[in-house]
Protein backbone atom coordinates (compact mmCIF):
# COMPACT_ATOMS: atom_id res chain seq x y z
CA MET A 1 0.00 0.00 0.00
CA PRO A 2 1.59 3.37 -0.97
CA GLU A 3 2.06 5.81 1.91
CA LEU A 4 0.57 8.50 -0.35
CA LEU A 5 -2.76 6.66 -0.20
CA LEU A 6 -2.65 6.65 3.60
CA HIS A 7 -2.02 10.41 3.50
CA TYR A 8 -5.05 10.90 1.26
CA ILE A 9 -7.34 8.78 3.45
CA TRP A 10 -6.24 10.74 6.52
CA GLN A 11 -6.56 14.17 4.91
CA GLN A 12 -9.98 13.49 3.38
CA GLY A 13 -11.41 11.87 6.55
CA LEU A 14 -12.37 8.67 4.71
CA TYR A 15 -12.03 6.74 7.97
CA ALA A 16 -14.78 8.74 9.73
CA ALA A 17 -17.51 6.08 9.43
CA LEU A 18 -15.40 3.49 11.26
CA PRO A 19 -14.45 3.47 14.96
CA GLN A 20 -10.81 4.36 15.64
CA ALA A 21 -8.67 3.57 18.65
CA THR A 22 -5.07 3.84 19.78
CA ASP A 23 -2.91 0.80 20.44
CA ASP A 24 -3.40 1.23 24.19
CA GLY A 25 -7.19 1.08 23.87
CA ARG A 26 -8.22 4.74 23.98
CA VAL A 27 -11.07 5.84 21.71
CA LEU A 28 -9.78 8.22 19.04
CA GLN A 29 -11.81 11.04 17.49
CA VAL A 30 -10.16 13.23 14.83
CA LEU A 31 -11.37 16.80 15.24
CA ASP A 32 -9.03 18.25 12.59
CA PRO A 33 -6.54 16.20 10.48
CA GLY A 34 -4.21 19.21 10.20
CA VAL A 35 -2.39 20.78 7.26
CA HIS A 36 -0.48 18.54 4.84
CA ASN A 37 3.28 19.22 4.95
CA ARG A 38 5.23 18.50 1.75
CA ASP A 39 8.59 19.53 3.23
CA ALA A 40 10.78 17.95 5.89
CA GLY A 41 9.16 17.27 9.26
CA PRO A 42 5.94 15.55 10.36
CA ASP A 43 3.38 14.84 7.63
CA PHE A 44 0.56 16.97 9.09
CA SER A 45 0.75 19.99 11.40
CA GLY A 46 -1.91 21.69 13.52
CA ALA A 47 -3.98 18.51 13.96
CA ARG A 48 -6.54 18.19 16.78
CA ILE A 49 -7.56 14.86 18.29
CA ARG A 50 -9.68 13.72 21.24
CA LEU A 51 -8.69 10.64 23.24
CA THR A 52 -11.23 8.99 25.54
CA THR A 53 -10.19 6.44 28.16
CA LEU A 54 -12.89 3.95 29.14
CA THR A 55 -13.19 1.79 32.24
CA PRO A 56 -13.56 -2.03 31.84
CA SER A 57 -17.33 -1.54 32.13
CA GLY A 58 -17.36 0.99 29.28
CA ALA A 59 -17.79 4.15 31.33
CA VAL A 60 -15.83 7.27 30.45
CA GLU A 61 -12.81 7.63 32.75
CA ALA A 62 -10.95 10.55 31.09
CA VAL A 63 -11.15 12.74 28.01
CA GLU A 64 -8.15 14.63 26.59
CA GLU A 65 -7.82 16.93 23.58
CA TRP A 66 -4.41 17.31 21.99
CA VAL A 67 -3.10 19.70 19.33
CA GLY A 68 0.09 19.03 17.40
CA SER A 69 1.63 17.11 14.52
CA VAL A 70 0.69 13.75 13.01
CA GLU A 71 3.08 11.35 11.27
CA LEU A 72 1.91 8.53 8.96
CA HIS A 73 3.70 5.33 7.94
CA VAL A 74 2.68 2.06 6.37
CA ARG A 75 4.61 0.21 9.10
CA ALA A 76 5.20 1.63 12.56
CA SER A 77 8.85 0.53 12.41
CA ASP A 78 9.39 3.04 9.58
CA TRP A 79 9.55 5.61 12.40
CA TYR A 80 12.94 4.17 13.34
CA ARG A 81 14.02 3.47 9.78
CA HIS A 82 13.56 7.19 9.04
CA ARG A 83 15.33 8.07 12.34
CA HIS A 84 12.47 10.13 13.73
CA ASP A 85 13.44 8.83 17.18
CA THR A 86 16.58 11.02 17.06
CA ASP A 87 15.03 14.10 15.41
CA PRO A 88 13.65 16.78 17.81
CA ALA A 89 11.34 18.00 15.03
CA TYR A 90 9.22 14.89 15.71
CA ASP A 91 8.96 15.49 19.46
CA ARG A 92 5.77 17.47 18.76
CA VAL A 93 3.99 14.47 17.16
CA ILE A 94 0.79 13.68 19.08
CA LEU A 95 -0.28 10.69 16.98
CA HIS A 96 1.45 8.08 14.81
CA VAL A 97 -1.01 6.74 12.20
CA VAL A 98 -0.05 3.41 10.62
CA ARG A 99 -1.36 0.51 8.59
CA ASP A 100 0.69 -2.10 10.45
CA SER A 101 1.56 -1.59 14.12
CA ASP A 102 4.67 -3.77 14.30
CA ARG A 103 6.21 -1.86 17.24
CA ALA A 104 5.70 1.06 19.62
CA VAL A 105 7.59 4.31 18.94
CA CYS A 106 9.26 6.99 21.07
CA THR A 107 10.47 10.57 20.58
CA SER A 108 14.07 11.74 20.98
CA GLN A 109 13.12 12.52 24.60
CA GLY A 110 12.07 8.91 25.21
CA LYS A 111 8.35 9.72 25.33
CA THR A 112 6.00 7.09 23.89
CA VAL A 113 3.91 8.40 20.99
CA ALA A 114 0.20 7.52 20.81
CA GLN A 115 -0.30 5.18 17.87
CA CYS A 116 -3.34 4.21 15.81
CA VAL A 117 -3.89 1.51 13.19
CA LEU A 118 -6.18 3.44 10.88
CA ARG A 119 -9.37 1.66 9.85
CA TYR A 120 -10.88 2.55 6.45
CA PRO A 121 -12.91 0.86 3.65
CA MET A 122 -10.85 -2.00 2.23
CA GLU A 123 -12.59 -2.79 -1.09
CA ARG A 124 -9.93 -3.14 -3.82
CA ASP A 125 -11.83 -1.11 -6.47
CA TYR A 126 -12.50 1.66 -3.96
CA LEU A 127 -8.82 1.82 -2.97
CA GLY A 128 -7.80 2.01 -6.63
CA LEU A 129 -10.01 5.06 -7.12
CA LEU A 130 -8.60 6.59 -3.96
CA LEU A 131 -5.02 6.10 -5.16
CA ALA A 132 -5.82 7.89 -8.42
CA SER A 133 -7.38 10.72 -6.42
CA ALA A 134 -4.37 10.87 -4.11
CA ARG A 135 -2.02 11.28 -7.06
CA GLU A 136 -4.25 14.01 -8.47
CA MET A 137 -4.21 15.69 -5.04
CA ASP A 138 -0.47 16.25 -5.42
CA SER A 139 -0.78 17.64 -8.96
CA PRO A 140 -1.00 21.39 -9.66
CA LEU A 141 -3.22 20.53 -12.65
CA ARG A 142 -6.19 20.18 -10.32
CA THR A 143 -6.37 23.99 -9.95
CA MET A 144 -5.66 24.90 -13.59
CA ARG A 145 -9.12 25.29 -15.11
CA CYS A 146 -7.63 26.13 -18.52
CA ALA A 147 -5.77 22.78 -18.67
CA LYS A 148 -8.14 21.27 -21.23
CA TRP A 149 -7.62 24.16 -23.69
CA LEU A 150 -3.90 24.92 -23.44
CA PRO A 151 -2.41 21.70 -24.88
CA ASP A 152 -4.14 22.38 -28.22
CA ARG A 153 -3.84 26.16 -28.02
CA PRO A 154 -0.62 27.01 -26.11
CA GLU A 155 -0.60 30.45 -27.75
CA LEU A 156 -3.51 31.42 -25.48
CA LEU A 157 -0.81 32.24 -22.92
CA THR A 158 0.81 35.08 -24.82
CA ALA A 159 4.30 36.57 -24.54
CA GLY A 160 2.72 39.85 -23.49
CA TRP A 161 0.87 38.20 -20.60
CA ARG A 162 4.09 36.46 -19.51
CA ASP A 163 5.90 39.80 -19.44
CA THR A 164 3.10 41.29 -17.34
CA LEU A 165 3.21 38.33 -14.95
CA LEU A 166 6.99 38.69 -14.50
CA ARG A 167 6.61 42.37 -13.70
CA GLN A 168 3.79 41.62 -11.26
CA ARG A 169 5.98 39.06 -9.49
CA MET A 170 8.88 41.51 -9.20
CA GLU A 171 6.50 44.14 -7.84
CA CYS A 172 5.30 41.69 -5.18
CA LYS A 173 8.91 41.06 -4.19
CA ARG A 174 9.59 44.81 -4.18
CA GLU A 175 6.70 45.28 -1.74
CA ALA A 176 8.15 42.58 0.53
CA ILE A 177 11.54 44.29 0.41
CA GLY A 178 9.85 47.59 1.26
CA ARG A 179 8.29 46.07 4.39
CA LEU A 180 11.68 44.75 5.46
CA LEU A 181 13.28 48.15 4.86
CA GLU A 182 10.74 49.70 7.23
CA LEU A 183 11.82 47.24 9.94
CA THR A 184 15.52 47.93 9.32
CA HIS A 185 15.11 51.74 9.20
CA ASN A 186 15.84 51.82 5.46
CA ASP A 187 19.15 49.96 5.84
CA TRP A 188 19.47 48.24 2.44
CA GLU A 189 22.46 46.09 3.48
CA GLN A 190 20.77 44.80 6.64
CA ALA A 191 17.54 44.07 4.73
CA PHE A 192 19.48 42.30 1.98
CA TYR A 193 21.39 40.26 4.58
CA ILE A 194 18.11 39.04 6.12
CA SER A 195 16.60 38.21 2.72
CA LEU A 196 19.75 36.44 1.57
CA ALA A 197 19.79 34.39 4.78
CA ARG A 198 16.14 33.43 4.30
CA ASN A 199 16.82 32.23 0.77
CA PHE A 200 19.91 30.32 1.94
CA GLY A 201 17.33 28.11 3.68
CA PHE A 202 16.07 27.15 0.19
CA HIS A 203 12.40 27.00 1.22
CA THR A 204 12.75 24.05 3.60
CA ASN A 205 14.60 26.06 6.26
CA SER A 206 13.85 29.60 5.12
CA ALA A 207 12.02 30.59 8.32
CA PRO A 208 14.73 29.54 10.83
CA PHE A 209 17.46 30.95 8.57
CA GLU A 210 15.65 34.29 8.51
CA GLN A 211 15.29 34.16 12.30
CA LEU A 212 19.02 33.42 12.56
CA ALA A 213 19.81 36.61 10.61
CA ILE A 214 17.40 38.72 12.68
CA GLN A 215 18.89 37.46 15.96
CA THR A 216 22.48 37.86 14.68
CA PRO A 217 22.70 41.46 13.39
CA LEU A 218 25.05 42.12 10.49
CA PRO A 219 27.21 44.66 12.42
CA TYR A 220 28.23 41.88 14.85
CA LEU A 221 29.36 39.70 11.95
CA ARG A 222 31.28 42.57 10.40
CA LYS A 223 33.35 42.94 13.57
CA HIS A 224 34.70 39.41 12.99
CA ARG A 225 34.56 39.25 9.20
CA ASP A 226 38.31 38.58 8.95
CA SER A 227 38.00 35.33 10.94
CA LEU A 228 36.06 32.51 9.29
CA PHE A 229 36.35 30.49 12.50
CA GLN A 230 34.64 33.19 14.57
CA LEU A 231 31.96 33.78 11.92
CA THR A 232 31.23 30.05 11.79
CA ALA A 233 31.13 29.80 15.58
CA LEU A 234 28.81 32.80 15.82
CA LEU A 235 26.33 31.61 13.19
CA LEU A 236 26.35 27.92 14.12
CA GLY A 237 26.05 28.82 17.79
CA GLN A 238 23.18 31.20 17.10
CA SER A 239 21.40 28.49 15.09
CA GLY A 240 21.10 26.37 18.22
CA LEU A 241 22.56 23.40 16.31
CA LEU A 242 26.08 23.55 17.74
CA ASP A 243 26.75 20.65 20.09
CA GLY A 244 29.97 21.18 22.01
CA ARG A 245 29.50 17.84 23.77
CA ALA A 246 30.01 15.94 20.51
CA GLY A 247 33.44 14.37 20.01
CA SER A 248 36.60 14.93 22.02
CA LYS A 249 37.58 18.07 23.92
CA GLY A 250 39.60 19.38 20.98
CA SER A 251 37.05 18.52 18.29
CA ASP A 252 35.79 21.09 15.79
CA GLU A 253 32.37 21.26 17.48
CA ALA A 254 33.90 21.69 20.93
CA LEU A 255 36.20 24.50 19.76
CA LEU A 256 33.36 26.26 17.96
CA GLN A 257 31.17 25.93 21.06
CA LYS A 258 33.88 27.46 23.25
CA GLU A 259 34.30 30.42 20.88
CA TYR A 260 30.54 30.90 20.60
CA SER A 261 30.15 30.97 24.39
CA PHE A 262 32.53 33.94 24.46
CA LEU A 263 30.83 35.75 21.55
CA ARG A 264 27.34 35.15 22.92
CA VAL A 265 28.23 36.94 26.16
CA LYS A 266 30.11 39.68 24.28
CA PHE A 267 27.06 40.60 22.16
CA SER A 268 24.29 39.50 24.61
CA LEU A 269 22.82 37.15 22.00
CA THR A 270 19.89 34.73 22.13
CA PRO A 271 20.14 31.64 19.86
CA VAL A 272 17.40 30.29 17.62
CA GLU A 273 15.41 27.32 18.93
CA ALA A 274 17.10 24.22 17.46
CA GLY A 275 13.75 22.47 16.93
CA LEU A 276 12.76 24.98 14.24
CA TRP A 277 15.26 23.49 11.77
CA LYS A 278 14.05 20.72 9.48
CA GLN A 279 16.71 18.05 9.07
CA GLY A 280 14.84 14.93 7.91
CA ARG A 281 14.37 14.02 4.24
CA ILE A 282 17.03 16.56 3.23
CA ARG A 283 19.97 15.93 0.93
CA PRO A 284 23.38 16.32 2.63
CA GLN A 285 24.23 19.47 0.64
CA ASN A 286 21.05 21.10 1.98
CA ALA A 287 21.65 20.18 5.64
CA PRO A 288 21.29 23.25 7.91
CA LYS A 289 24.85 23.08 9.26
CA THR A 290 26.28 22.87 5.74
CA ARG A 291 24.24 25.87 4.57
CA ILE A 292 25.23 27.88 7.67
CA ARG A 293 28.93 27.15 7.05
CA GLN A 294 28.49 28.30 3.45
CA PHE A 295 26.77 31.47 4.63
CA ALA A 296 29.64 32.17 7.04
CA ALA A 297 32.17 31.62 4.23
CA LEU A 298 30.27 34.01 1.96
CA ILE A 299 30.33 36.78 4.58
CA HIS A 300 34.04 36.11 5.21
CA ARG A 301 35.03 36.37 1.55
CA SER A 302 32.65 39.06 0.32
CA GLU A 303 33.24 42.55 1.64
CA PHE A 304 30.71 45.11 0.33
CA LEU A 305 28.70 42.21 -1.15
CA PHE A 306 25.49 44.20 -1.51
CA SER A 307 27.13 47.04 -3.47
CA ARG A 308 29.00 44.64 -5.73
CA LEU A 309 25.88 42.63 -6.49
CA MET A 310 24.00 45.80 -7.36
CA GLN A 311 26.67 46.65 -9.94
CA GLY A 312 27.44 43.28 -11.62
CA SER A 313 27.04 43.63 -15.36
CA ASP A 314 26.08 40.05 -16.25
CA ILE A 315 24.91 36.81 -14.68
CA GLU A 316 28.33 35.14 -14.76
CA SER A 317 29.96 38.00 -12.85
CA LEU A 318 27.15 37.86 -10.28
CA ARG A 319 27.65 34.11 -9.84
CA GLY A 320 31.36 34.77 -9.30
CA LEU A 321 30.62 36.91 -6.25
CA PHE A 322 29.25 33.81 -4.52
CA ASP A 323 32.52 31.89 -4.87
CA LEU A 324 33.20 30.46 -1.41
CA GLY A 325 36.63 29.02 -2.12
CA GLN A 326 37.24 25.29 -1.78
CA ASP A 327 39.13 25.65 1.51
CA PHE A 328 36.20 27.08 3.44
CA ALA A 329 32.99 25.18 2.77
CA PRO A 330 31.35 22.98 0.12
CA ALA A 331 30.80 25.10 -2.97
CA LEU A 332 27.30 26.23 -3.83
CA GLY A 333 25.98 24.32 -6.85
CA ARG A 334 24.99 26.19 -10.00
CA ALA A 335 21.27 25.55 -9.38
CA SER A 336 21.53 26.90 -5.82
CA LEU A 337 23.42 29.97 -7.04
CA ASP A 338 20.74 30.68 -9.61
CA ILE A 339 17.98 30.39 -7.01
CA LEU A 340 19.74 33.03 -4.91
CA LEU A 341 20.04 35.29 -7.95
CA ILE A 342 16.38 34.81 -8.89
CA ASN A 343 14.90 35.22 -5.41
CA THR A 344 17.27 37.71 -3.79
CA VAL A 345 19.79 39.51 -5.98
CA LEU A 346 17.68 40.52 -8.99
CA PRO A 347 14.61 41.54 -6.92
CA TYR A 348 16.88 43.78 -4.83
CA ARG A 349 18.48 45.25 -7.96
CA TYR A 350 14.99 45.95 -9.32
CA ALA A 351 13.72 47.47 -6.06
CA HIS A 352 16.88 49.52 -5.42
CA ALA A 353 16.84 50.90 -8.98
CA LEU A 354 13.24 52.06 -8.66
CA SER A 355 13.97 53.59 -5.24
CA VAL A 356 16.46 55.93 -6.94
CA HIS A 357 14.20 56.39 -10.02
CA ASP A 358 16.58 54.51 -12.34
CA THR A 359 14.07 52.81 -14.65
CA ALA A 360 16.81 51.73 -17.08
CA GLU A 361 18.54 49.72 -14.33
CA ALA A 362 15.20 48.23 -13.27
CA GLU A 363 14.63 47.04 -16.84
CA ARG A 364 18.16 45.61 -16.87
CA ALA A 365 17.32 43.53 -13.79
CA LEU A 366 14.30 42.12 -15.61
CA ARG A 367 16.39 41.28 -18.68
CA LEU A 368 19.03 39.52 -16.56
CA MET A 369 16.30 37.12 -15.40
CA ALA A 370 16.16 35.81 -18.99
CA ASP A 371 19.88 34.94 -18.82
CA ILE A 372 19.33 32.39 -16.03
CA PRO A 373 18.31 28.80 -16.93
CA ALA A 374 14.73 27.74 -16.25
CA GLU A 375 13.86 26.48 -12.79
CA ASP A 376 12.67 22.90 -12.39
CA ASN A 377 9.85 22.08 -9.97
CA SER A 378 6.48 20.31 -9.99
CA ILE A 379 4.56 23.42 -11.05
CA ILE A 380 6.85 24.20 -13.98
CA ARG A 381 6.75 20.56 -15.10
CA GLN A 382 2.95 20.79 -15.25
CA TRP A 383 3.14 23.90 -17.41
CA ARG A 384 5.45 22.00 -19.77
CA MET A 385 2.86 19.21 -19.93
CA LEU A 386 0.33 21.82 -21.03
CA GLY A 387 2.51 22.70 -24.01
CA GLN A 388 4.09 25.85 -22.60
CA ALA A 389 7.63 26.75 -23.68
CA VAL A 390 9.90 27.23 -20.66
CA ARG A 391 13.20 28.70 -21.79
CA ASN A 392 14.62 30.63 -18.84
CA ALA A 393 13.99 32.02 -15.35
CA ALA A 394 11.90 34.89 -16.75
CA ASP A 395 9.47 32.25 -18.04
CA THR A 396 9.47 30.21 -14.84
CA GLN A 397 8.94 33.26 -12.62
CA ALA A 398 6.03 34.37 -14.80
CA LEU A 399 4.46 30.90 -14.76
CA LEU A 400 4.93 30.49 -11.02
CA HIS A 401 3.21 33.83 -10.48
CA LEU A 402 0.37 32.80 -12.80
CA TYR A 403 -0.17 29.58 -10.87
CA GLN A 404 0.11 31.06 -7.37
CA THR A 405 -1.80 34.30 -7.98
CA TYR A 406 -4.46 33.25 -10.49
CA CYS A 407 -4.77 29.45 -10.71
CA GLN A 408 -4.59 28.50 -7.03
CA PRO A 409 -7.14 31.08 -5.80
CA GLN A 410 -9.28 30.44 -8.93
CA ALA A 411 -8.98 34.12 -9.91
CA CYS A 412 -9.72 33.30 -13.56
CA ILE A 413 -11.80 36.46 -13.99
CA ASN A 414 -8.56 38.49 -13.79
CA CYS A 415 -6.47 36.20 -16.03
CA ASP A 416 -5.71 37.02 -19.66
CA VAL A 417 -5.78 33.31 -20.62
CA ALA A 418 -9.31 32.89 -19.25
CA TYR A 419 -10.40 36.05 -21.05
CA ARG A 420 -9.13 34.71 -24.38
CA ILE A 421 -10.85 31.36 -23.83
CA PHE A 422 -14.09 33.15 -22.93
CA MET A 423 -13.93 35.31 -26.04
CA GLN A 424 -13.64 32.17 -28.19
CA GLN A 425 -16.76 30.68 -26.59
CA VAL A 426 -19.11 33.64 -27.12
């Protein structure tokens, strides 16, 4: 049985007609299945359940309502195979939903997690239909109402509409930058530093990375910019992920912890809560500690980074400013570099140019987007399936904006594609 099917059954409440219970005999009622999480961490967050304990005679002995995360597996032992028992991110799981309860499970704190063997309709034909629905649930096509027209008429999505969508997306990012500038008292370098840190989290850890930058002001890093060791100690320590107890007394972690202890007192710093970082189901190159070391190396090697990025004449020269040097940290891959250019550098160039009324430079920032290769994600792959040409990042940014701003909220009345389809029908 695919785990995806179990996710679909849980999310859609298809178990509701059958009685549910935990392994230890408590009656389970699902008040809210929670929000499906497609990133690292527990499968559903914000779930609400009610557990009722009955006496041997069937009388109600106790009723508890819990709010937290839910994790689903085909076999309960997958909890250990995926190492959730050592990951603090799973300490907030209130219920482990399984198809086969082959063992009990515990958190990294040794606390037993309530577990339920989910009961649901078992007819083979019914499950086949559910599996097809579950796969459709994960497809962006389900919100694209124009999907049946575009494959035969891809020109309905015109070049002019793409250009408008790209400009709308850059304006949205400019507004976000403006809000950050208000918080930083119009300090462009501090705002850029926070945005760059957020995007160093590459979506999965964007929130804790942003928090790390907010709680570790740029002026403190500048004071120690000449020492990569101190920068690494400061940022890793502030992340809450530094474990000085690991290894021997003279180990890298222990030395970094000792240096951080000094710097934390010096600047009166408060570290980020370690549990905010997502570490499961992440490739090694995207691990939080690796990304933080890369961020420290970038700050160490790149004096006046913001000014230099605002002046780079072409994409290759901009990529060169992110060279970390092989002696400091694993190099950023080309795809990661391009994501930083797309989501941080070019939006800031666009916003900064307009802030000084330099429309020519703003247009140059838009044109540079077309010099970056196309992004690859599930939404862009669906647009390709609909016959849309995807040549560069200008295309992908336009199509992402179309999907997120018009398709997802079903705002077809404001979409040029829907207008053209409507005009062909009347």
